[in-house]
Amino acid sequence: MPIIVNLDVMMAKRKMSLNELSEKVDLTLSNLSILKTGKAKAIRFSTLEAICKALNCQPADILEYVEENKN
């Protein structure tokens, strides 16, 4: 998938655990884990907003587009 989720990078930069982020954004650990591992198929803007607020970052710090090579 050409969308890369860098949530783990931002969490490390902010020295925040998955448990702490889960409490701040009011999401279950399992839903955050799915997002963190890049297995999520979608994300609500309200969730993205809450994560950005908790991590003091921009959406582009978390989501990245990388074009796939088509040989």
Protein backbone atom coordinates (compact mmCIF):
# COMPACT_ATOMS: atom_id res chain seq x y z
CA MET A 1 0.00 0.00 0.00
CA PRO A 2 1.46 3.38 -0.92
CA ILE A 3 0.32 5.05 2.34
CA ILE A 4 2.89 4.56 5.10
CA VAL A 5 1.88 5.12 8.74
CA ASN A 6 4.69 6.61 10.83
CA LEU A 7 2.80 6.63 14.11
CA ASP A 8 5.50 4.60 15.87
CA VAL A 9 8.15 7.13 14.78
CA MET A 10 6.17 10.07 16.20
CA MET A 11 5.44 8.17 19.40
CA ALA A 12 9.15 7.48 19.83
CA LYS A 13 10.04 11.12 19.17
CA ARG A 14 7.54 12.21 21.84
CA LYS A 15 8.57 9.36 24.17
CA MET A 16 4.94 8.25 24.43
CA SER A 17 3.80 4.67 24.90
CA LEU A 18 0.89 3.06 23.11
CA ASN A 19 -0.94 2.86 26.45
CA GLU A 20 -0.47 6.57 27.11
CA LEU A 21 -1.57 7.56 23.61
CA SER A 22 -4.56 5.24 23.89
CA GLU A 23 -5.71 7.04 27.03
CA LYS A 24 -5.16 10.52 25.55
CA VAL A 25 -7.08 9.86 22.33
CA ASP A 26 -9.69 7.52 23.85
CA LEU A 27 -9.02 4.62 21.47
CA THR A 28 -8.54 0.98 22.32
CA LEU A 29 -5.04 -0.44 22.31
CA SER A 30 -6.06 -2.86 19.58
CA ASN A 31 -7.32 -0.09 17.25
CA LEU A 32 -4.18 1.98 17.81
CA SER A 33 -2.03 -1.08 17.23
CA ILE A 34 -3.78 -1.77 13.91
CA LEU A 35 -3.11 1.80 12.86
CA LYS A 36 0.50 1.73 14.10
CA THR A 37 1.32 -1.43 12.16
CA GLY A 38 -0.14 -0.02 8.95
CA LYS A 39 -2.93 -2.61 8.76
CA ALA A 40 -5.75 -0.05 9.00
CA LYS A 41 -7.80 0.50 5.84
CA ALA A 42 -9.11 3.92 6.94
CA ILE A 43 -8.83 6.55 9.66
CA ARG A 44 -11.44 9.07 10.75
CA PHE A 45 -10.44 12.71 10.65
CA SER A 46 -11.54 13.02 14.27
CA THR A 47 -9.13 10.22 15.22
CA LEU A 48 -6.31 11.78 13.21
CA GLU A 49 -7.03 15.13 14.86
CA ALA A 50 -6.90 13.60 18.35
CA ILE A 51 -3.62 11.80 17.60
CA CYS A 52 -2.06 14.97 16.17
CA LYS A 53 -3.19 16.95 19.22
CA ALA A 54 -1.81 14.35 21.64
CA LEU A 55 1.52 14.08 19.79
CA ASN A 56 1.72 17.80 18.95
CA CYS A 57 2.30 17.09 15.26
CA GLN A 58 0.80 17.46 11.80
CA PRO A 59 -1.02 14.72 9.81
CA ALA A 60 1.94 14.60 7.41
CA ASP A 61 4.16 13.58 10.34
CA ILE A 62 2.03 10.44 10.71
CA LEU A 63 0.91 9.63 7.15
CA GLU A 64 3.23 9.45 4.15
CA TYR A 65 2.54 8.68 0.50
CA VAL A 66 5.13 6.57 -1.31
CA GLU A 67 4.47 5.75 -4.94
CA GLU A 68 4.63 2.05 -5.76
CA ASN A 69 6.97 0.88 -8.51
CA LYS A 70 5.04 -0.71 -11.35
CA ASN A 71 7.41 -2.82 -13.40
